[in-house]
Amino acid sequence: MAGMDETFLLVEVGVLVMLANLAMVAVYAKQYKRVPPGHAMVVFGRRFPGGKPLVMVGGGRFIQPIIESYALLSIEPMQIDLLLEDAVGNISGTEEEGRRLNVSVTGVAKISEDVDLLQTAASNLVNKSPEEIRHIVEVTVEGHVRGILATTAAPETAVSKISEKIRFAVEGDLTLMGIAVPSLFLRIRDTKPMSRGIEVVEQVNRELHRLDLRIRRIEEKLGLSTP
């Protein structure tokens, strides 16, 4: 009887060890997260070197239960496609030189894969939805398009040069959030003289002021505002 008891005990211990191993494998399989194509994985919840979240593009990682959490950040290109009506060109010129413009803007923006900029994006945008990120991009683009056109004489004669100037200004702002703008193109669809002189200028100034306030609110939410 004693021998049988020992045998049963060994069997029970073996079964328990096997179940424990299976449980460990199941936990590991559940907590091992792969980075899908077109995404970066942001791991946070504990202190990593440099005091910033760990950011991975490609591969995978075991996410330690309780200690670590993770989120995915899309690095797929975002298409910019805006139609802006009643933009004003050359508000500092004479009434004859000022123009009312209908313009379209197309281009591409994306969260940069540059190591430093990707880290910046992870810190600023990890909790933002794709729609919120797109809104930030579009508001920034619109503000710079209207602002640059308003101070440019005869913009319809130098569209390529103005497009690059706008792209450079937009990327300068969005880089603070980790977003790059590889391409941006302006097309002037319609142009006509301004008809009400100073009244139009005042209207444009009010519009630019509102756009500036919207951009500042976004920067404040992201903690990017400067005194």
C-alpha atoms as a PDB file:
ATOM      1  CA  MET A   1       0.000   0.000   0.000  1.00  0.00           C
ATOM      2  CA  ALA A   2       2.823   2.353   0.862  1.00  0.00           C
ATOM      3  CA  GLY A   3       4.345   1.791  -2.569  1.00  0.00           C
ATOM      4  CA  MET A   4       1.041   2.561  -4.282  1.00  0.00           C
ATOM      5  CA  ASP A   5       0.623   5.760  -2.243  1.00  0.00           C
ATOM      6  CA  GLU A   6       4.069   6.900  -3.273  1.00  0.00           C
ATOM      7  CA  THR A   7       3.259   6.138  -6.910  1.00  0.00           C
ATOM      8  CA  PHE A   8       0.022   8.134  -6.762  1.00  0.00           C
ATOM      9  CA  LEU A   9       1.861  10.995  -5.062  1.00  0.00           C
ATOM     10  CA  LEU A  10       4.492  11.056  -7.791  1.00  0.00           C
ATOM     11  CA  VAL A  11       1.786  11.021 -10.465  1.00  0.00           C
ATOM     12  CA  GLU A  12      -0.033  13.903  -8.777  1.00  0.00           C
ATOM     13  CA  VAL A  13       3.180  15.898  -8.492  1.00  0.00           C
ATOM     14  CA  GLY A  14       3.950  15.216 -12.147  1.00  0.00           C
ATOM     15  CA  VAL A  15       0.483  16.340 -13.208  1.00  0.00           C
ATOM     16  CA  LEU A  16       0.779  19.518 -11.135  1.00  0.00           C
ATOM     17  CA  VAL A  17       4.183  20.308 -12.620  1.00  0.00           C
ATOM     18  CA  MET A  18       2.833  19.735 -16.122  1.00  0.00           C
ATOM     19  CA  LEU A  19      -0.182  21.977 -15.457  1.00  0.00           C
ATOM     20  CA  ALA A  20       2.079  24.674 -14.014  1.00  0.00           C
ATOM     21  CA  ASN A  21       4.282  24.536 -17.105  1.00  0.00           C
ATOM     22  CA  LEU A  22       1.242  24.742 -19.379  1.00  0.00           C
ATOM     23  CA  ALA A  23      -0.031  27.734 -17.396  1.00  0.00           C
ATOM     24  CA  MET A  24       3.341  29.473 -17.764  1.00  0.00           C
ATOM     25  CA  VAL A  25       3.353  28.805 -21.509  1.00  0.00           C
ATOM     26  CA  ALA A  26      -0.210  30.142 -21.790  1.00  0.00           C
ATOM     27  CA  VAL A  27       0.687  33.315 -19.878  1.00  0.00           C
ATOM     28  CA  TYR A  28       3.777  33.843 -22.017  1.00  0.00           C
ATOM     29  CA  ALA A  29       1.814  33.302 -25.223  1.00  0.00           C
ATOM     30  CA  LYS A  30      -0.871  35.737 -24.072  1.00  0.00           C
ATOM     31  CA  GLN A  31       1.594  38.424 -23.004  1.00  0.00           C
ATOM     32  CA  TYR A  32       3.956  38.165 -25.969  1.00  0.00           C
ATOM     33  CA  LYS A  33       2.924  40.938 -28.345  1.00  0.00           C
ATOM     34  CA  ARG A  34       4.087  41.248 -31.931  1.00  0.00           C
ATOM     35  CA  VAL A  35       4.316  44.610 -33.669  1.00  0.00           C
ATOM     36  CA  PRO A  36       2.014  44.527 -36.717  1.00  0.00           C
ATOM     37  CA  PRO A  37       3.145  46.036 -40.033  1.00  0.00           C
ATOM     38  CA  GLY A  38       2.717  49.795 -40.284  1.00  0.00           C
ATOM     39  CA  HIS A  39       2.781  50.280 -36.514  1.00  0.00           C
ATOM     40  CA  ALA A  40       5.121  51.031 -33.659  1.00  0.00           C
ATOM     41  CA  MET A  41       4.603  49.494 -30.231  1.00  0.00           C
ATOM     42  CA  VAL A  42       4.959  51.792 -27.240  1.00  0.00           C
ATOM     43  CA  VAL A  43       5.713  50.012 -23.964  1.00  0.00           C
ATOM     44  CA  PHE A  44       5.244  51.963 -20.756  1.00  0.00           C
ATOM     45  CA  GLY A  45       4.460  51.458 -17.088  1.00  0.00           C
ATOM     46  CA  ARG A  46       7.969  51.214 -15.680  1.00  0.00           C
ATOM     47  CA  ARG A  47      11.156  53.227 -15.953  1.00  0.00           C
ATOM     48  CA  PHE A  48      13.150  52.499 -19.089  1.00  0.00           C
ATOM     49  CA  PRO A  49      16.618  53.932 -19.824  1.00  0.00           C
ATOM     50  CA  GLY A  50      16.321  57.673 -20.395  1.00  0.00           C
ATOM     51  CA  GLY A  51      13.024  57.833 -18.518  1.00  0.00           C
ATOM     52  CA  LYS A  52      11.000  57.502 -21.738  1.00  0.00           C
ATOM     53  CA  PRO A  53       8.674  54.772 -23.032  1.00  0.00           C
ATOM     54  CA  LEU A  54      10.215  51.932 -25.010  1.00  0.00           C
ATOM     55  CA  VAL A  55       9.333  52.184 -28.719  1.00  0.00           C
ATOM     56  CA  MET A  56       9.642  49.233 -31.093  1.00  0.00           C
ATOM     57  CA  VAL A  57       9.115  48.924 -34.848  1.00  0.00           C
ATOM     58  CA  GLY A  58       8.932  45.292 -35.915  1.00  0.00           C
ATOM     59  CA  GLY A  59       9.586  42.190 -33.849  1.00  0.00           C
ATOM     60  CA  GLY A  60       7.844  41.516 -30.565  1.00  0.00           C
ATOM     61  CA  ARG A  61       8.199  41.635 -26.807  1.00  0.00           C
ATOM     62  CA  PHE A  62       6.926  39.919 -23.679  1.00  0.00           C
ATOM     63  CA  ILE A  63       4.797  42.432 -21.777  1.00  0.00           C
ATOM     64  CA  GLN A  64       5.276  41.837 -18.072  1.00  0.00           C
ATOM     65  CA  PRO A  65       1.871  41.508 -16.377  1.00  0.00           C
ATOM     66  CA  ILE A  66       0.947  44.297 -13.944  1.00  0.00           C
ATOM     67  CA  ILE A  67       4.303  46.067 -14.430  1.00  0.00           C
ATOM     68  CA  GLU A  68       4.040  46.963 -18.125  1.00  0.00           C
ATOM     69  CA  SER A  69       1.372  48.101 -20.566  1.00  0.00           C
ATOM     70  CA  TYR A  70       1.560  48.753 -24.277  1.00  0.00           C
ATOM     71  CA  ALA A  71      -0.179  50.649 -27.066  1.00  0.00           C
ATOM     72  CA  LEU A  72       0.123  50.612 -30.839  1.00  0.00           C
ATOM     73  CA  LEU A  73       0.854  53.749 -32.824  1.00  0.00           C
ATOM     74  CA  SER A  74       0.172  53.801 -36.562  1.00  0.00           C
ATOM     75  CA  ILE A  75       3.082  54.948 -38.709  1.00  0.00           C
ATOM     76  CA  GLU A  76       1.137  54.522 -41.946  1.00  0.00           C
ATOM     77  CA  PRO A  77       1.087  57.597 -44.220  1.00  0.00           C
ATOM     78  CA  MET A  78      -1.896  59.936 -43.845  1.00  0.00           C
ATOM     79  CA  GLN A  79      -3.253  61.519 -47.005  1.00  0.00           C
ATOM     80  CA  ILE A  80      -3.775  65.273 -46.781  1.00  0.00           C
ATOM     81  CA  ASP A  81      -6.657  66.448 -48.956  1.00  0.00           C
ATOM     82  CA  LEU A  82      -8.066  69.884 -48.129  1.00  0.00           C
ATOM     83  CA  LEU A  83     -10.201  72.332 -50.066  1.00  0.00           C
ATOM     84  CA  LEU A  84      -9.984  75.879 -48.715  1.00  0.00           C
ATOM     85  CA  GLU A  85     -12.357  78.544 -49.951  1.00  0.00           C
ATOM     86  CA  ASP A  86     -11.963  82.307 -49.706  1.00  0.00           C
ATOM     87  CA  ALA A  87      -8.295  82.253 -48.821  1.00  0.00           C
ATOM     88  CA  VAL A  88      -6.804  85.699 -49.353  1.00  0.00           C
ATOM     89  CA  GLY A  89      -3.579  86.491 -51.143  1.00  0.00           C
ATOM     90  CA  ASN A  90      -1.414  89.576 -50.663  1.00  0.00           C
ATOM     91  CA  ILE A  91      -3.430  91.421 -48.016  1.00  0.00           C
ATOM     92  CA  SER A  92      -0.665  94.015 -47.715  1.00  0.00           C
ATOM     93  CA  GLY A  93      -1.005  95.019 -51.373  1.00  0.00           C
ATOM     94  CA  THR A  94      -3.450  97.440 -52.935  1.00  0.00           C
ATOM     95  CA  GLU A  95      -7.084  96.508 -53.377  1.00  0.00           C
ATOM     96  CA  GLU A  96      -6.317  95.645 -57.000  1.00  0.00           C
ATOM     97  CA  GLU A  97      -3.372  93.441 -55.979  1.00  0.00           C
ATOM     98  CA  GLY A  98      -5.241  91.516 -53.287  1.00  0.00           C
ATOM     99  CA  ARG A  99      -6.838  88.260 -54.391  1.00  0.00           C
ATOM    100  CA  ARG A 100      -9.546  85.911 -53.183  1.00  0.00           C
ATOM    101  CA  LEU A 101      -8.419  82.335 -53.724  1.00  0.00           C
ATOM    102  CA  ASN A 102      -9.985  78.898 -53.714  1.00  0.00           C
ATOM    103  CA  VAL A 103      -7.179  76.408 -53.197  1.00  0.00           C
ATOM    104  CA  SER A 104      -6.712  72.685 -52.719  1.00  0.00           C
ATOM    105  CA  VAL A 105      -3.904  71.116 -50.730  1.00  0.00           C
ATOM    106  CA  THR A 106      -2.764  67.526 -51.136  1.00  0.00           C
ATOM    107  CA  GLY A 107       0.141  65.719 -49.578  1.00  0.00           C
ATOM    108  CA  VAL A 108       1.330  63.090 -47.150  1.00  0.00           C
ATOM    109  CA  ALA A 109       2.005  63.254 -43.428  1.00  0.00           C
ATOM    110  CA  LYS A 110       3.152  60.409 -41.211  1.00  0.00           C
ATOM    111  CA  ILE A 111       4.569  59.702 -37.812  1.00  0.00           C
ATOM    112  CA  SER A 112       8.288  59.709 -38.465  1.00  0.00           C
ATOM    113  CA  GLU A 113      10.348  56.526 -38.175  1.00  0.00           C
ATOM    114  CA  ASP A 114      13.390  58.563 -37.181  1.00  0.00           C
ATOM    115  CA  VAL A 115      14.414  57.249 -33.753  1.00  0.00           C
ATOM    116  CA  ASP A 116      14.241  60.592 -31.947  1.00  0.00           C
ATOM    117  CA  LEU A 117      11.048  61.759 -33.664  1.00  0.00           C
ATOM    118  CA  LEU A 118       9.377  58.400 -33.096  1.00  0.00           C
ATOM    119  CA  GLN A 119      10.164  58.736 -29.404  1.00  0.00           C
ATOM    120  CA  THR A 120       8.645  62.230 -29.481  1.00  0.00           C
ATOM    121  CA  ALA A 121       5.512  60.892 -31.177  1.00  0.00           C
ATOM    122  CA  ALA A 122       5.248  58.098 -28.618  1.00  0.00           C
ATOM    123  CA  SER A 123       5.330  60.622 -25.782  1.00  0.00           C
ATOM    124  CA  ASN A 124       2.817  63.011 -27.380  1.00  0.00           C
ATOM    125  CA  LEU A 125       0.443  60.946 -29.498  1.00  0.00           C
ATOM    126  CA  VAL A 126       0.170  57.473 -27.993  1.00  0.00           C
ATOM    127  CA  ASN A 127      -3.261  58.249 -26.500  1.00  0.00           C
ATOM    128  CA  LYS A 128      -4.556  60.055 -29.598  1.00  0.00           C
ATOM    129  CA  SER A 129      -6.859  58.361 -32.092  1.00  0.00           C
ATOM    130  CA  PRO A 130      -5.985  58.448 -35.817  1.00  0.00           C
ATOM    131  CA  GLU A 131      -8.834  60.945 -36.264  1.00  0.00           C
ATOM    132  CA  GLU A 132      -7.380  63.258 -33.612  1.00  0.00           C
ATOM    133  CA  ILE A 133      -3.921  63.073 -35.179  1.00  0.00           C
ATOM    134  CA  ARG A 134      -5.393  63.822 -38.610  1.00  0.00           C
ATOM    135  CA  HIS A 135      -7.242  66.815 -37.150  1.00  0.00           C
ATOM    136  CA  ILE A 136      -3.993  68.184 -35.706  1.00  0.00           C
ATOM    137  CA  VAL A 137      -2.330  67.830 -39.118  1.00  0.00           C
ATOM    138  CA  GLU A 138      -5.202  69.444 -41.028  1.00  0.00           C
ATOM    139  CA  VAL A 139      -5.541  72.416 -38.665  1.00  0.00           C
ATOM    140  CA  THR A 140      -1.798  73.040 -38.854  1.00  0.00           C
ATOM    141  CA  VAL A 141      -1.788  72.811 -42.659  1.00  0.00           C
ATOM    142  CA  GLU A 142      -4.791  75.118 -43.015  1.00  0.00           C
ATOM    143  CA  GLY A 143      -3.303  77.725 -40.699  1.00  0.00           C
ATOM    144  CA  HIS A 144      -0.019  77.905 -42.598  1.00  0.00           C
ATOM    145  CA  VAL A 145      -1.678  77.852 -46.037  1.00  0.00           C
ATOM    146  CA  ARG A 146      -3.885  80.812 -45.188  1.00  0.00           C
ATOM    147  CA  GLY A 147      -1.111  82.665 -43.374  1.00  0.00           C
ATOM    148  CA  ILE A 148       1.488  82.292 -46.130  1.00  0.00           C
ATOM    149  CA  LEU A 149      -0.933  83.066 -48.959  1.00  0.00           C
ATOM    150  CA  ALA A 150      -2.091  86.175 -47.117  1.00  0.00           C
ATOM    151  CA  THR A 151       1.434  87.608 -47.126  1.00  0.00           C
ATOM    152  CA  THR A 152       2.455  86.510 -50.633  1.00  0.00           C
ATOM    153  CA  ALA A 153       2.146  88.746 -53.680  1.00  0.00           C
ATOM    154  CA  ALA A 154       0.721  87.067 -56.807  1.00  0.00           C
ATOM    155  CA  PRO A 155       0.784  83.550 -55.299  1.00  0.00           C
ATOM    156  CA  GLU A 156      -0.604  82.032 -58.494  1.00  0.00           C
ATOM    157  CA  THR A 157       2.707  82.787 -60.245  1.00  0.00           C
ATOM    158  CA  ALA A 158       4.912  80.744 -57.883  1.00  0.00           C
ATOM    159  CA  VAL A 159       2.832  77.789 -56.734  1.00  0.00           C
ATOM    160  CA  SER A 160       5.702  75.280 -56.475  1.00  0.00           C
ATOM    161  CA  LYS A 161       7.844  77.628 -54.405  1.00  0.00           C
ATOM    162  CA  ILE A 162       4.923  78.465 -52.118  1.00  0.00           C
ATOM    163  CA  SER A 163       4.061  74.762 -51.729  1.00  0.00           C
ATOM    164  CA  GLU A 164       7.555  74.033 -50.433  1.00  0.00           C
ATOM    165  CA  LYS A 165       7.447  77.064 -48.143  1.00  0.00           C
ATOM    166  CA  ILE A 166       4.161  75.838 -46.666  1.00  0.00           C
ATOM    167  CA  ARG A 167       5.473  72.278 -46.318  1.00  0.00           C
ATOM    168  CA  PHE A 168       8.571  73.522 -44.503  1.00  0.00           C
ATOM    169  CA  ALA A 169       6.496  75.643 -42.088  1.00  0.00           C
ATOM    170  CA  VAL A 170       3.982  72.841 -41.434  1.00  0.00           C
ATOM    171  CA  GLU A 171       6.700  70.282 -40.792  1.00  0.00           C
ATOM    172  CA  GLY A 172       8.448  72.709 -38.459  1.00  0.00           C
ATOM    173  CA  ASP A 173       5.381  72.686 -36.206  1.00  0.00           C
ATOM    174  CA  LEU A 174       4.437  69.024 -36.570  1.00  0.00           C
ATOM    175  CA  THR A 175       7.984  67.809 -35.922  1.00  0.00           C
ATOM    176  CA  LEU A 176       7.449  68.951 -32.329  1.00  0.00           C
ATOM    177  CA  MET A 177       4.896  66.135 -32.136  1.00  0.00           C
ATOM    178  CA  GLY A 178       6.965  63.595 -34.085  1.00  0.00           C
ATOM    179  CA  ILE A 179       5.083  63.985 -37.382  1.00  0.00           C
ATOM    180  CA  ALA A 180       6.901  64.380 -40.705  1.00  0.00           C
ATOM    181  CA  VAL A 181       5.467  65.888 -43.897  1.00  0.00           C
ATOM    182  CA  PRO A 182       7.339  64.316 -46.834  1.00  0.00           C
ATOM    183  CA  SER A 183       5.231  66.027 -49.488  1.00  0.00           C
ATOM    184  CA  LEU A 184       2.695  68.807 -49.809  1.00  0.00           C
ATOM    185  CA  PHE A 185       1.297  70.415 -52.948  1.00  0.00           C
ATOM    186  CA  LEU A 186      -0.812  73.526 -53.372  1.00  0.00           C
ATOM    187  CA  ARG A 187      -3.164  74.079 -56.276  1.00  0.00           C
ATOM    188  CA  ILE A 188      -4.931  77.382 -56.872  1.00  0.00           C
ATOM    189  CA  ARG A 189      -8.303  76.457 -58.322  1.00  0.00           C
ATOM    190  CA  ASP A 190      -9.804  79.915 -58.679  1.00  0.00           C
ATOM    191  CA  THR A 191      -8.657  83.491 -58.188  1.00  0.00           C
ATOM    192  CA  LYS A 192     -10.502  86.788 -58.304  1.00  0.00           C
ATOM    193  CA  PRO A 193      -9.930  90.345 -57.085  1.00  0.00           C
ATOM    194  CA  MET A 194     -10.966  91.347 -53.586  1.00  0.00           C
ATOM    195  CA  SER A 195     -13.897  93.715 -53.712  1.00  0.00           C
ATOM    196  CA  ARG A 196     -14.176  95.286 -50.274  1.00  0.00           C
ATOM    197  CA  GLY A 197     -10.660  96.370 -49.388  1.00  0.00           C
ATOM    198  CA  ILE A 198     -10.051  96.874 -45.679  1.00  0.00           C
ATOM    199  CA  GLU A 199     -13.191  94.961 -44.686  1.00  0.00           C
ATOM    200  CA  VAL A 200     -11.788  91.815 -46.286  1.00  0.00           C
ATOM    201  CA  VAL A 201      -8.400  92.348 -44.641  1.00  0.00           C
ATOM    202  CA  GLU A 202     -10.017  92.623 -41.227  1.00  0.00           C
ATOM    203  CA  GLN A 203     -12.033  89.477 -41.887  1.00  0.00           C
ATOM    204  CA  VAL A 204      -8.887  87.571 -42.860  1.00  0.00           C
ATOM    205  CA  ASN A 205      -7.038  88.801 -39.781  1.00  0.00           C
ATOM    206  CA  ARG A 206      -9.884  87.572 -37.579  1.00  0.00           C
ATOM    207  CA  GLU A 207      -9.842  84.213 -39.354  1.00  0.00           C
ATOM    208  CA  LEU A 208      -6.081  83.817 -38.935  1.00  0.00           C
ATOM    209  CA  HIS A 209      -6.422  84.732 -35.269  1.00  0.00           C
ATOM    210  CA  ARG A 210      -9.024  81.991 -34.776  1.00  0.00           C
ATOM    211  CA  LEU A 211      -6.788  79.448 -36.511  1.00  0.00           C
ATOM    212  CA  ASP A 212      -3.867  80.489 -34.323  1.00  0.00           C
ATOM    213  CA  LEU A 213      -5.999  79.960 -31.216  1.00  0.00           C
ATOM    214  CA  ARG A 214      -7.014  76.484 -32.421  1.00  0.00           C
ATOM    215  CA  ILE A 215      -3.372  75.524 -32.967  1.00  0.00           C
ATOM    216  CA  ARG A 216      -2.429  76.875 -29.532  1.00  0.00           C
ATOM    217  CA  ARG A 217      -5.179  74.813 -27.881  1.00  0.00           C
ATOM    218  CA  ILE A 218      -3.860  71.666 -29.553  1.00  0.00           C
ATOM    219  CA  GLU A 219      -0.314  72.483 -28.428  1.00  0.00           C
ATOM    220  CA  GLU A 220      -1.520  73.101 -24.865  1.00  0.00           C
ATOM    221  CA  LYS A 221      -3.270  69.714 -24.788  1.00  0.00           C
ATOM    222  CA  LEU A 222      -0.023  68.097 -25.924  1.00  0.00           C
ATOM    223  CA  GLY A 223       2.061  70.106 -23.466  1.00  0.00           C
ATOM    224  CA  LEU A 224       3.922  71.839 -26.295  1.00  0.00           C
ATOM    225  CA  SER A 225       2.902  75.435 -25.638  1.00  0.00           C
ATOM    226  CA  THR A 226       5.614  77.961 -24.890  1.00  0.00           C
ATOM    227  CA  PRO A 227       5.267  81.001 -22.611  1.00  0.00           C
END
